[in-house]
Amino acid sequence: MSLSQKPAPRLILASASPRRRELLRLLGVEFEVCPSEIEEKQGPGEPVEVYVARLAREKAEMSREREGAVPDHRDTLILGCDTEVALDGVPLGKPAVGPNADADAARMLRLLAGRAHEVLTAICLLSSDPARCRQHVEYTRVWFSEMSDAEIAEYVATGEPRDKAGAYAIQGHAARFIPRIEGCYYNVMGLPVAALYSLLRQELA
């Protein structure tokens, strides 16, 4: 697939997520992976939409620094992403790492059960030129069915909730608990494909 008549730029994904790699392949573009690790901490009074947008840009900037991209390399684009599950405007984050991971995942799932929440994914398309940056925040509303303690324990035991925002994966075993969504499905997986395609088209126009 060709996004424009221009030569395809070098695209770098600043994420180690296998789900994002899978979704990026849907666009038919070639890309490299240069993961970036930053402190993911919400600032005091920082709205969740501002928080995810800031993290996406910081991840892209760190990846650009690691790659050594400089302003005269106009053919390089860095893609930074951040996904948060927010309940009543408060991001849940990911389950704790370590021996308390499963208990923390179960806690999150009990909060989500029988309620609707929002999934926000920010994408930042950063050029080698620091002055050029395109950003977008996608929103999807997700409804969870009621879940019994036994169902939560069974789902947590699959190991799927680990390292997942909100402790679930819509494309996996959690699908049975999600009767309805409003918005982009791929956004809940971690990359709003149509929104990213639009940004790439704008960049290459």
N, C-alpha and C. Protein backbone atom coordinates (compact mmCIF):
# COMPACT_ATOMS: atom_id res chain seq x y z
N MET A 1 0.84 -1.19 0.00
CA MET A 1 0.00 0.00 0.00
C MET A 1 0.87 1.24 0.00
N SER A 2 0.52 2.22 -0.82
CA SER A 2 1.27 3.46 -0.88
C SER A 2 0.47 4.59 -0.27
N LEU A 3 1.06 5.29 0.68
CA LEU A 3 0.39 6.42 1.32
C LEU A 3 0.50 7.69 0.49
N SER A 4 1.50 7.77 -0.34
CA SER A 4 1.69 8.95 -1.17
C SER A 4 2.64 8.59 -2.30
N GLN A 5 2.89 9.57 -3.16
CA GLN A 5 3.83 9.38 -4.25
C GLN A 5 5.27 9.57 -3.80
N LYS A 6 5.46 10.09 -2.57
CA LYS A 6 6.80 10.31 -2.06
C LYS A 6 7.42 8.98 -1.64
N PRO A 7 8.76 8.93 -1.61
CA PRO A 7 9.41 7.72 -1.10
C PRO A 7 9.00 7.48 0.35
N ALA A 8 8.80 6.23 0.71
CA ALA A 8 8.38 5.91 2.07
C ALA A 8 9.45 6.33 3.07
N PRO A 9 9.06 7.00 4.17
CA PRO A 9 10.04 7.41 5.17
C PRO A 9 10.45 6.23 6.03
N ARG A 10 11.50 6.39 6.76
CA ARG A 10 11.90 5.40 7.75
C ARG A 10 10.97 5.59 8.96
N LEU A 11 10.24 4.55 9.33
CA LEU A 11 9.30 4.63 10.44
C LEU A 11 9.81 3.79 11.60
N ILE A 12 9.88 4.40 12.77
CA ILE A 12 10.38 3.72 13.97
C ILE A 12 9.27 3.68 15.01
N LEU A 13 8.95 2.50 15.50
CA LEU A 13 7.96 2.31 16.54
C LEU A 13 8.65 2.32 17.89
N ALA A 14 8.30 3.30 18.73
CA ALA A 14 8.93 3.44 20.04
C ALA A 14 8.18 2.61 21.08
N SER A 15 7.98 1.33 20.79
CA SER A 15 7.23 0.45 21.69
C SER A 15 7.65 -0.98 21.46
N ALA A 16 7.70 -1.74 22.55
CA ALA A 16 8.03 -3.15 22.44
C ALA A 16 6.78 -4.02 22.36
N SER A 17 5.61 -3.40 22.34
CA SER A 17 4.34 -4.14 22.37
C SER A 17 4.15 -5.00 21.12
N PRO A 18 4.00 -6.31 21.28
CA PRO A 18 3.73 -7.16 20.12
C PRO A 18 2.39 -6.85 19.48
N ARG A 19 1.42 -6.37 20.27
CA ARG A 19 0.11 -6.01 19.72
C ARG A 19 0.24 -4.81 18.80
N ARG A 20 1.03 -3.82 19.18
CA ARG A 20 1.20 -2.65 18.32
C ARG A 20 1.94 -3.01 17.04
N ARG A 21 2.90 -3.92 17.14
CA ARG A 21 3.59 -4.36 15.92
C ARG A 21 2.61 -5.05 14.99
N GLU A 22 1.75 -5.88 15.55
CA GLU A 22 0.75 -6.60 14.75
C GLU A 22 -0.19 -5.62 14.06
N LEU A 23 -0.66 -4.61 14.79
CA LEU A 23 -1.61 -3.65 14.22
C LEU A 23 -0.95 -2.74 13.20
N LEU A 24 0.30 -2.37 13.44
CA LEU A 24 1.01 -1.51 12.49
C LEU A 24 1.19 -2.21 11.15
N ARG A 25 1.32 -3.52 11.18
CA ARG A 25 1.45 -4.29 9.93
C ARG A 25 0.18 -4.21 9.08
N LEU A 26 -0.96 -3.89 9.70
CA LEU A 26 -2.21 -3.76 8.94
C LEU A 26 -2.13 -2.61 7.95
N LEU A 27 -1.26 -1.65 8.20
CA LEU A 27 -1.11 -0.51 7.29
C LEU A 27 -0.22 -0.84 6.10
N GLY A 28 0.44 -1.98 6.16
CA GLY A 28 1.29 -2.37 5.04
C GLY A 28 2.54 -1.55 4.90
N VAL A 29 2.98 -0.91 6.00
CA VAL A 29 4.19 -0.10 5.95
C VAL A 29 5.32 -0.82 6.66
N GLU A 30 6.53 -0.59 6.20
CA GLU A 30 7.69 -1.17 6.86
C GLU A 30 8.08 -0.30 8.04
N PHE A 31 8.56 -0.94 9.10
CA PHE A 31 8.95 -0.17 10.28
C PHE A 31 10.03 -0.91 11.05
N GLU A 32 10.71 -0.15 11.89
CA GLU A 32 11.70 -0.70 12.81
C GLU A 32 11.18 -0.48 14.22
N VAL A 33 11.76 -1.20 15.17
CA VAL A 33 11.34 -1.07 16.56
C VAL A 33 12.50 -0.58 17.40
N CYS A 34 12.25 0.50 18.13
CA CYS A 34 13.23 1.03 19.08
C CYS A 34 12.47 1.41 20.34
N PRO A 35 12.27 0.44 21.25
CA PRO A 35 11.46 0.70 22.45
C PRO A 35 12.09 1.77 23.34
N SER A 36 11.24 2.51 24.01
CA SER A 36 11.71 3.52 24.95
C SER A 36 11.03 3.27 26.30
N GLU A 37 11.78 3.44 27.35
CA GLU A 37 11.26 3.25 28.70
C GLU A 37 11.32 4.58 29.43
N ILE A 38 10.17 5.06 29.87
CA ILE A 38 10.11 6.30 30.63
C ILE A 38 9.28 6.07 31.88
N GLU A 39 9.40 6.97 32.83
CA GLU A 39 8.59 6.88 34.04
C GLU A 39 7.16 7.29 33.70
N GLU A 40 6.23 6.39 33.94
CA GLU A 40 4.83 6.66 33.63
C GLU A 40 4.12 7.07 34.92
N LYS A 41 4.16 8.36 35.18
CA LYS A 41 3.58 8.89 36.42
C LYS A 41 2.75 10.12 36.10
N GLN A 42 1.49 10.07 36.48
CA GLN A 42 0.58 11.18 36.22
C GLN A 42 0.91 12.35 37.14
N GLY A 43 0.97 13.55 36.56
CA GLY A 43 1.26 14.72 37.34
C GLY A 43 0.06 15.15 38.18
N PRO A 44 0.28 15.89 39.25
CA PRO A 44 -0.82 16.36 40.10
C PRO A 44 -1.82 17.19 39.28
N GLY A 45 -3.08 16.78 39.31
CA GLY A 45 -4.11 17.52 38.59
C GLY A 45 -4.05 17.39 37.08
N GLU A 46 -3.19 16.51 36.57
CA GLU A 46 -3.04 16.34 35.12
C GLU A 46 -4.19 15.50 34.57
N PRO A 47 -5.01 16.05 33.66
CA PRO A 47 -6.11 15.27 33.06
C PRO A 47 -5.56 14.06 32.33
N VAL A 48 -6.34 12.98 32.32
CA VAL A 48 -5.85 11.73 31.74
C VAL A 48 -5.50 11.90 30.27
N GLU A 49 -6.28 12.71 29.51
CA GLU A 49 -5.99 12.89 28.09
C GLU A 49 -4.67 13.63 27.87
N VAL A 50 -4.36 14.56 28.78
CA VAL A 50 -3.08 15.27 28.71
C VAL A 50 -1.94 14.33 29.10
N TYR A 51 -2.20 13.51 30.07
CA TYR A 51 -1.22 12.54 30.56
C TYR A 51 -0.79 11.56 29.46
N VAL A 52 -1.76 10.95 28.77
CA VAL A 52 -1.40 9.98 27.73
C VAL A 52 -0.70 10.66 26.56
N ALA A 53 -1.12 11.87 26.21
CA ALA A 53 -0.48 12.59 25.11
C ALA A 53 0.97 12.93 25.47
N ARG A 54 1.20 13.33 26.70
CA ARG A 54 2.57 13.65 27.14
C ARG A 54 3.45 12.41 27.09
N LEU A 55 2.94 11.28 27.59
CA LEU A 55 3.74 10.06 27.59
C LEU A 55 4.07 9.61 26.17
N ALA A 56 3.11 9.70 25.26
CA ALA A 56 3.36 9.30 23.87
C ALA A 56 4.47 10.13 23.26
N ARG A 57 4.43 11.44 23.53
CA ARG A 57 5.48 12.31 22.96
C ARG A 57 6.83 12.03 23.61
N GLU A 58 6.85 11.84 24.93
CA GLU A 58 8.12 11.57 25.60
C GLU A 58 8.74 10.27 25.12
N LYS A 59 7.91 9.27 24.86
CA LYS A 59 8.43 8.01 24.34
C LYS A 59 9.03 8.20 22.94
N ALA A 60 8.33 8.97 22.11
CA ALA A 60 8.85 9.23 20.77
C ALA A 60 10.16 10.00 20.83
N GLU A 61 10.23 10.99 21.72
CA GLU A 61 11.45 11.81 21.84
C GLU A 61 12.62 10.97 22.33
N MET A 62 12.38 10.07 23.29
CA MET A 62 13.47 9.22 23.78
C MET A 62 13.97 8.29 22.68
N SER A 63 13.05 7.74 21.91
CA SER A 63 13.45 6.85 20.82
C SER A 63 14.26 7.61 19.78
N ARG A 64 13.84 8.85 19.49
CA ARG A 64 14.57 9.66 18.52
C ARG A 64 16.00 9.92 19.00
N GLU A 65 16.15 10.19 20.30
CA GLU A 65 17.48 10.43 20.85
C GLU A 65 18.35 9.18 20.76
N ARG A 66 17.76 8.02 21.03
CA ARG A 66 18.52 6.77 20.95
C ARG A 66 18.96 6.46 19.54
N GLU A 67 18.10 6.78 18.59
CA GLU A 67 18.42 6.50 17.20
C GLU A 67 19.41 7.50 16.62
N GLY A 68 19.60 8.62 17.31
CA GLY A 68 20.52 9.62 16.82
C GLY A 68 20.01 10.37 15.62
N ALA A 69 18.67 10.41 15.44
CA ALA A 69 18.09 11.13 14.31
C ALA A 69 18.32 12.62 14.49
N VAL A 70 18.75 13.29 13.43
CA VAL A 70 19.02 14.72 13.49
C VAL A 70 18.17 15.44 12.46
N PRO A 71 17.99 16.78 12.61
CA PRO A 71 17.04 17.50 11.76
C PRO A 71 17.23 17.36 10.26
N ASP A 72 18.45 17.09 9.80
CA ASP A 72 18.62 17.01 8.35
C ASP A 72 18.23 15.63 7.81
N HIS A 73 17.86 14.69 8.68
CA HIS A 73 17.36 13.39 8.22
C HIS A 73 15.84 13.47 8.14
N ARG A 74 15.34 14.10 7.09
CA ARG A 74 13.91 14.39 6.99
C ARG A 74 13.05 13.15 6.74
N ASP A 75 13.66 12.02 6.46
CA ASP A 75 12.88 10.84 6.08
C ASP A 75 12.63 9.90 7.26
N THR A 76 12.81 10.37 8.47
CA THR A 76 12.59 9.53 9.64
C THR A 76 11.38 10.00 10.43
N LEU A 77 10.48 9.06 10.74
CA LEU A 77 9.32 9.35 11.58
C LEU A 77 9.35 8.40 12.78
N ILE A 78 9.10 8.95 13.97
CA ILE A 78 9.08 8.16 15.19
C ILE A 78 7.63 8.10 15.69
N LEU A 79 7.15 6.90 15.98
CA LEU A 79 5.79 6.73 16.48
C LEU A 79 5.83 6.36 17.96
N GLY A 80 5.32 7.28 18.79
CA GLY A 80 5.19 7.01 20.22
C GLY A 80 3.72 6.78 20.55
N CYS A 81 3.44 5.87 21.48
CA CYS A 81 2.06 5.54 21.84
C CYS A 81 1.93 5.35 23.34
N ASP A 82 0.76 5.64 23.86
CA ASP A 82 0.46 5.30 25.25
C ASP A 82 -1.02 5.02 25.38
N THR A 83 -1.37 3.93 26.05
CA THR A 83 -2.76 3.54 26.25
C THR A 83 -3.07 3.49 27.73
N GLU A 84 -4.20 4.07 28.10
CA GLU A 84 -4.66 4.03 29.49
C GLU A 84 -6.12 3.63 29.53
N VAL A 85 -6.47 2.84 30.53
CA VAL A 85 -7.86 2.52 30.85
C VAL A 85 -8.27 3.44 31.99
N ALA A 86 -9.30 4.24 31.77
CA ALA A 86 -9.71 5.22 32.76
C ALA A 86 -11.13 4.93 33.26
N LEU A 87 -11.29 4.89 34.55
CA LEU A 87 -12.60 4.68 35.18
C LEU A 87 -12.95 5.96 35.94
N ASP A 88 -14.04 6.59 35.53
CA ASP A 88 -14.43 7.88 36.13
C ASP A 88 -13.30 8.90 36.01
N GLY A 89 -12.58 8.85 34.88
CA GLY A 89 -11.52 9.82 34.63
C GLY A 89 -10.21 9.53 35.32
N VAL A 90 -10.11 8.40 36.02
CA VAL A 90 -8.88 8.04 36.73
C VAL A 90 -8.22 6.85 36.05
N PRO A 91 -6.98 6.98 35.56
CA PRO A 91 -6.32 5.85 34.90
C PRO A 91 -5.98 4.75 35.90
N LEU A 92 -6.23 3.50 35.48
CA LEU A 92 -5.96 2.36 36.35
C LEU A 92 -4.52 1.88 36.24
N GLY A 93 -3.87 2.16 35.11
CA GLY A 93 -2.53 1.66 34.90
C GLY A 93 -2.53 0.17 34.62
N LYS A 94 -1.37 -0.46 34.86
CA LYS A 94 -1.22 -1.90 34.68
C LYS A 94 -1.08 -2.56 36.05
N PRO A 95 -1.39 -3.86 36.13
CA PRO A 95 -1.20 -4.55 37.41
C PRO A 95 0.24 -4.46 37.89
N ALA A 96 0.39 -4.46 39.20
CA ALA A 96 1.72 -4.39 39.79
C ALA A 96 2.58 -5.55 39.30
N VAL A 97 3.87 -5.30 39.21
CA VAL A 97 4.81 -6.35 38.82
C VAL A 97 5.29 -7.08 40.08
N GLY A 98 5.35 -8.39 40.01
CA GLY A 98 5.84 -9.13 41.16
C GLY A 98 4.80 -10.06 41.75
N PRO A 99 5.00 -10.46 42.99
CA PRO A 99 4.11 -11.46 43.61
C PRO A 99 2.68 -10.97 43.80
N ASN A 100 2.46 -9.66 43.78
CA ASN A 100 1.11 -9.12 43.97
C ASN A 100 0.39 -8.84 42.64
N ALA A 101 0.97 -9.27 41.54
CA ALA A 101 0.42 -8.94 40.22
C ALA A 101 -1.00 -9.47 40.05
N ASP A 102 -1.23 -10.72 40.39
CA ASP A 102 -2.55 -11.32 40.18
C ASP A 102 -3.61 -10.68 41.08
N ALA A 103 -3.24 -10.39 42.31
CA ALA A 103 -4.18 -9.75 43.23
C ALA A 103 -4.54 -8.35 42.74
N ASP A 104 -3.56 -7.64 42.20
CA ASP A 104 -3.82 -6.29 41.69
C ASP A 104 -4.69 -6.35 40.44
N ALA A 105 -4.45 -7.35 39.59
CA ALA A 105 -5.29 -7.53 38.40
C ALA A 105 -6.73 -7.82 38.79
N ALA A 106 -6.92 -8.68 39.78
CA ALA A 106 -8.27 -9.01 40.25
C ALA A 106 -8.96 -7.77 40.81
N ARG A 107 -8.20 -6.94 41.51
CA ARG A 107 -8.77 -5.69 42.06
C ARG A 107 -9.28 -4.79 40.94
N MET A 108 -8.49 -4.64 39.87
CA MET A 108 -8.90 -3.81 38.75
C MET A 108 -10.15 -4.37 38.08
N LEU A 109 -10.19 -5.67 37.89
CA LEU A 109 -11.32 -6.29 37.21
C LEU A 109 -12.60 -6.15 38.04
N ARG A 110 -12.49 -6.20 39.36
CA ARG A 110 -13.66 -5.98 40.20
C ARG A 110 -14.18 -4.55 40.06
N LEU A 111 -13.27 -3.60 39.85
CA LEU A 111 -13.68 -2.21 39.64
C LEU A 111 -14.41 -2.05 38.30
N LEU A 112 -13.95 -2.77 37.28
CA LEU A 112 -14.52 -2.62 35.94
C LEU A 112 -15.82 -3.40 35.75
N ALA A 113 -15.99 -4.47 36.50
CA ALA A 113 -17.14 -5.37 36.31
C ALA A 113 -18.47 -4.63 36.44
N GLY A 114 -19.34 -4.84 35.45
CA GLY A 114 -20.67 -4.27 35.46
C GLY A 114 -20.74 -2.78 35.17
N ARG A 115 -19.63 -2.22 34.69
CA ARG A 115 -19.57 -0.78 34.44
C ARG A 115 -18.98 -0.48 33.07
N ALA A 116 -19.10 0.78 32.68
CA ALA A 116 -18.46 1.26 31.45
C ALA A 116 -17.23 2.08 31.83
N HIS A 117 -16.23 2.03 30.98
CA HIS A 117 -15.02 2.83 31.20
C HIS A 117 -14.51 3.31 29.85
N GLU A 118 -13.49 4.13 29.89
CA GLU A 118 -12.90 4.65 28.66
C GLU A 118 -11.48 4.12 28.47
N VAL A 119 -11.16 3.85 27.21
CA VAL A 119 -9.78 3.53 26.84
C VAL A 119 -9.28 4.68 25.97
N LEU A 120 -8.16 5.25 26.37
CA LEU A 120 -7.56 6.36 25.63
C LEU A 120 -6.19 5.91 25.12
N THR A 121 -5.95 6.10 23.84
CA THR A 121 -4.62 5.87 23.28
C THR A 121 -4.16 7.14 22.61
N ALA A 122 -3.01 7.62 23.04
CA ALA A 122 -2.39 8.77 22.39
C ALA A 122 -1.33 8.27 21.43
N ILE A 123 -1.31 8.86 20.24
CA ILE A 123 -0.24 8.56 19.28
C ILE A 123 0.47 9.87 18.95
N CYS A 124 1.77 9.78 18.84
CA CYS A 124 2.59 10.94 18.50
C CYS A 124 3.51 10.56 17.35
N LEU A 125 3.38 11.27 16.25
CA LEU A 125 4.22 11.03 15.08
C LEU A 125 5.22 12.16 15.01
N LEU A 126 6.45 11.83 15.37
CA LEU A 126 7.50 12.84 15.52
C LEU A 126 8.48 12.74 14.36
N SER A 127 8.73 13.88 13.74
CA SER A 127 9.70 13.94 12.65
C SER A 127 11.10 14.09 13.22
N SER A 128 12.08 13.90 12.37
CA SER A 128 13.46 14.19 12.76
C SER A 128 13.62 15.67 13.08
N ASP A 129 12.79 16.48 12.48
CA ASP A 129 12.76 17.92 12.76
C ASP A 129 11.91 18.13 14.01
N PRO A 130 12.49 18.58 15.14
CA PRO A 130 11.74 18.74 16.38
C PRO A 130 10.51 19.63 16.25
N ALA A 131 10.48 20.50 15.25
CA ALA A 131 9.35 21.41 15.08
C ALA A 131 8.13 20.71 14.48
N ARG A 132 8.33 19.52 13.94
CA ARG A 132 7.23 18.81 13.29
C ARG A 132 6.75 17.66 14.17
N CYS A 133 5.51 17.76 14.61
CA CYS A 133 4.94 16.74 15.49
C CYS A 133 3.44 16.68 15.26
N ARG A 134 2.92 15.49 15.04
CA ARG A 134 1.48 15.30 14.88
C ARG A 134 1.00 14.39 15.99
N GLN A 135 -0.06 14.81 16.69
CA GLN A 135 -0.57 14.03 17.81
C GLN A 135 -2.08 13.84 17.72
N HIS A 136 -2.54 12.76 18.33
CA HIS A 136 -3.97 12.46 18.35
C HIS A 136 -4.25 11.59 19.57
N VAL A 137 -5.39 11.84 20.22
CA VAL A 137 -5.85 10.98 21.31
C VAL A 137 -7.18 10.37 20.91
N GLU A 138 -7.24 9.05 20.89
CA GLU A 138 -8.45 8.31 20.52
C GLU A 138 -9.17 7.82 21.78
N TYR A 139 -10.50 7.91 21.76
CA TYR A 139 -11.32 7.48 22.88
C TYR A 139 -12.23 6.34 22.45
N THR A 140 -12.31 5.30 23.27
CA THR A 140 -13.27 4.22 23.06
C THR A 140 -13.94 3.91 24.40
N ARG A 141 -15.25 3.80 24.38
CA ARG A 141 -15.99 3.45 25.59
C ARG A 141 -16.25 1.95 25.57
N VAL A 142 -15.97 1.31 26.69
CA VAL A 142 -16.05 -0.15 26.79
C VAL A 142 -16.96 -0.53 27.96
N TRP A 143 -17.89 -1.45 27.70
CA TRP A 143 -18.79 -1.94 28.73
C TRP A 143 -18.38 -3.34 29.17
N PHE A 144 -18.29 -3.56 30.47
CA PHE A 144 -18.00 -4.87 31.03
C PHE A 144 -19.27 -5.46 31.63
N SER A 145 -19.46 -6.74 31.46
CA SER A 145 -20.54 -7.45 32.14
C SER A 145 -20.19 -7.61 33.62
N GLU A 146 -21.19 -7.97 34.40
CA GLU A 146 -20.92 -8.37 35.78
C GLU A 146 -20.02 -9.61 35.75
N MET A 147 -19.10 -9.69 36.71
CA MET A 147 -18.18 -10.83 36.78
C MET A 147 -18.19 -11.37 38.21
N SER A 148 -18.34 -12.67 38.34
CA SER A 148 -18.28 -13.27 39.67
C SER A 148 -16.82 -13.37 40.11
N ASP A 149 -16.61 -13.57 41.39
CA ASP A 149 -15.24 -13.74 41.88
C ASP A 149 -14.58 -14.95 41.22
N ALA A 150 -15.38 -16.00 40.97
CA ALA A 150 -14.82 -17.20 40.33
C ALA A 150 -14.40 -16.90 38.90
N GLU A 151 -15.19 -16.11 38.18
CA GLU A 151 -14.84 -15.74 36.80
C GLU A 151 -13.59 -14.88 36.77
N ILE A 152 -13.50 -13.96 37.70
CA ILE A 152 -12.31 -13.11 37.77
C ILE A 152 -11.08 -13.95 38.05
N ALA A 153 -11.20 -14.86 39.03
CA ALA A 153 -10.06 -15.72 39.38
C ALA A 153 -9.64 -16.60 38.20
N GLU A 154 -10.62 -17.11 37.47
CA GLU A 154 -10.33 -17.96 36.31
C GLU A 154 -9.61 -17.16 35.23
N TYR A 155 -10.08 -15.93 35.00
CA TYR A 155 -9.44 -15.10 33.97
C TYR A 155 -8.03 -14.69 34.39
N VAL A 156 -7.87 -14.30 35.64
CA VAL A 156 -6.54 -13.91 36.11
C VAL A 156 -5.56 -15.07 35.99
N ALA A 157 -6.05 -16.28 36.22
CA ALA A 157 -5.19 -17.47 36.17
C ALA A 157 -4.64 -17.74 34.77
N THR A 158 -5.27 -17.17 33.73
CA THR A 158 -4.74 -17.35 32.37
C THR A 158 -3.43 -16.59 32.17
N GLY A 159 -3.16 -15.64 33.04
CA GLY A 159 -1.96 -14.83 32.91
C GLY A 159 -2.11 -13.66 31.95
N GLU A 160 -3.24 -13.61 31.27
CA GLU A 160 -3.45 -12.56 30.26
C GLU A 160 -3.47 -11.14 30.83
N PRO A 161 -4.02 -10.92 32.04
CA PRO A 161 -4.09 -9.55 32.55
C PRO A 161 -2.74 -8.89 32.83
N ARG A 162 -1.69 -9.69 32.99
CA ARG A 162 -0.39 -9.12 33.33
C ARG A 162 0.12 -8.20 32.23
N ASP A 163 0.63 -7.06 32.63
CA ASP A 163 1.21 -6.08 31.71
C ASP A 163 0.18 -5.50 30.74
N LYS A 164 -1.10 -5.53 31.12
CA LYS A 164 -2.16 -4.95 30.28
C LYS A 164 -2.80 -3.78 31.02
N ALA A 165 -3.00 -2.69 30.32
CA ALA A 165 -3.71 -1.56 30.91
C ALA A 165 -5.10 -2.00 31.31
N GLY A 166 -5.48 -1.75 32.56
CA GLY A 166 -6.79 -2.17 33.03
C GLY A 166 -6.90 -3.65 33.32
N ALA A 167 -5.81 -4.40 33.14
CA ALA A 167 -5.75 -5.84 33.45
C ALA A 167 -6.61 -6.70 32.53
N TYR A 168 -6.77 -6.29 31.27
CA TYR A 168 -7.50 -7.17 30.34
C TYR A 168 -7.05 -6.94 28.91
N ALA A 169 -7.31 -7.94 28.08
CA ALA A 169 -7.03 -7.86 26.65
C ALA A 169 -8.32 -8.16 25.90
N ILE A 170 -8.86 -7.18 25.20
CA ILE A 170 -10.15 -7.35 24.53
C ILE A 170 -10.08 -8.42 23.44
N GLN A 171 -8.89 -8.61 22.85
CA GLN A 171 -8.74 -9.58 21.78
C GLN A 171 -8.51 -11.00 22.30
N GLY A 172 -8.47 -11.15 23.63
CA GLY A 172 -8.19 -12.45 24.22
C GLY A 172 -9.38 -13.01 24.99
N HIS A 173 -9.09 -13.65 26.11
CA HIS A 173 -10.13 -14.31 26.90
C HIS A 173 -11.13 -13.32 27.50
N ALA A 174 -10.76 -12.06 27.61
CA ALA A 174 -11.66 -11.05 28.19
C ALA A 174 -12.84 -10.74 27.28
N ALA A 175 -12.77 -11.15 26.02
CA ALA A 175 -13.84 -10.84 25.07
C ALA A 175 -15.20 -11.30 25.57
N ARG A 176 -15.24 -12.37 26.33
CA ARG A 176 -16.52 -12.92 26.82
C ARG A 176 -17.21 -11.97 27.81
N PHE A 177 -16.45 -11.04 28.38
CA PHE A 177 -17.01 -10.14 29.38
C PHE A 177 -17.34 -8.75 28.81
N ILE A 178 -17.15 -8.57 27.50
CA ILE A 178 -17.31 -7.24 26.90
C ILE A 178 -18.43 -7.29 25.86
N PRO A 179 -19.66 -6.97 26.25
CA PRO A 179 -20.78 -7.07 25.33
C PRO A 179 -20.89 -5.92 24.35
N ARG A 180 -20.21 -4.82 24.64
CA ARG A 180 -20.41 -3.63 23.81
C ARG A 180 -19.22 -2.69 23.91
N ILE A 181 -18.87 -2.07 22.79
CA ILE A 181 -17.92 -0.96 22.80
C ILE A 181 -18.48 0.15 21.91
N GLU A 182 -18.00 1.33 22.13
CA GLU A 182 -18.39 2.48 21.30
C GLU A 182 -17.11 3.19 20.89
N GLY A 183 -16.75 3.05 19.62
CA GLY A 183 -15.51 3.63 19.14
C GLY A 183 -14.64 2.59 18.47
N CYS A 184 -13.37 2.89 18.38
CA CYS A 184 -12.40 2.06 17.65
C CYS A 184 -11.98 0.84 18.46
N TYR A 185 -12.21 -0.34 17.91
CA TYR A 185 -11.81 -1.59 18.56
C TYR A 185 -10.29 -1.68 18.71
N TYR A 186 -9.58 -1.31 17.65
CA TYR A 186 -8.13 -1.43 17.68
C TYR A 186 -7.51 -0.49 18.71
N ASN A 187 -8.20 0.60 19.02
CA ASN A 187 -7.74 1.50 20.06
C ASN A 187 -7.64 0.77 21.39
N VAL A 188 -8.59 -0.11 21.67
CA VAL A 188 -8.58 -0.86 22.93
C VAL A 188 -7.40 -1.84 22.96
N MET A 189 -6.97 -2.27 21.79
CA MET A 189 -5.80 -3.14 21.70
C MET A 189 -4.50 -2.37 21.86
N GLY A 190 -4.56 -1.04 21.65
CA GLY A 190 -3.35 -0.25 21.88
C GLY A 190 -2.89 0.60 20.72
N LEU A 191 -3.60 0.56 19.57
CA LEU A 191 -3.20 1.39 18.44
C LEU A 191 -4.40 1.67 17.54
N PRO A 192 -4.91 2.91 17.54
CA PRO A 192 -6.03 3.25 16.66
C PRO A 192 -5.56 3.34 15.21
N VAL A 193 -5.76 2.28 14.49
CA VAL A 193 -5.17 2.13 13.15
C VAL A 193 -5.64 3.22 12.19
N ALA A 194 -6.94 3.49 12.14
CA ALA A 194 -7.46 4.48 11.20
C ALA A 194 -6.93 5.88 11.51
N ALA A 195 -6.84 6.22 12.79
CA ALA A 195 -6.32 7.53 13.19
C ALA A 195 -4.85 7.67 12.80
N LEU A 196 -4.08 6.61 13.00
CA LEU A 196 -2.67 6.65 12.62
C LEU A 196 -2.51 6.78 11.12
N TYR A 197 -3.33 6.05 10.37
CA TYR A 197 -3.28 6.15 8.91
C TYR A 197 -3.53 7.58 8.46
N SER A 198 -4.50 8.25 9.10
CA SER A 198 -4.80 9.63 8.78
C SER A 198 -3.60 10.54 9.05
N LEU A 199 -2.91 10.34 10.18
CA LEU A 199 -1.74 11.15 10.50
C LEU A 199 -0.63 10.93 9.47
N LEU A 200 -0.43 9.67 9.09
CA LEU A 200 0.62 9.37 8.10
C LEU A 200 0.30 10.02 6.76
N ARG A 201 -0.96 9.99 6.37
CA ARG A 201 -1.35 10.62 5.11
C ARG A 201 -1.10 12.12 5.15
N GLN A 202 -1.40 12.76 6.28
CA GLN A 202 -1.15 14.19 6.44
C GLN A 202 0.35 14.48 6.35
N GLU A 203 1.13 13.64 7.00
CA GLU A 203 2.59 13.86 7.03
C GLU A 203 3.20 13.70 5.65
N LEU A 204 2.67 12.78 4.85
CA LEU A 204 3.27 12.49 3.56
C LEU A 204 2.59 13.19 2.39
N ALA A 205 1.59 14.00 2.70
CA ALA A 205 0.87 14.71 1.63
C ALA A 205 1.78 15.69 0.91
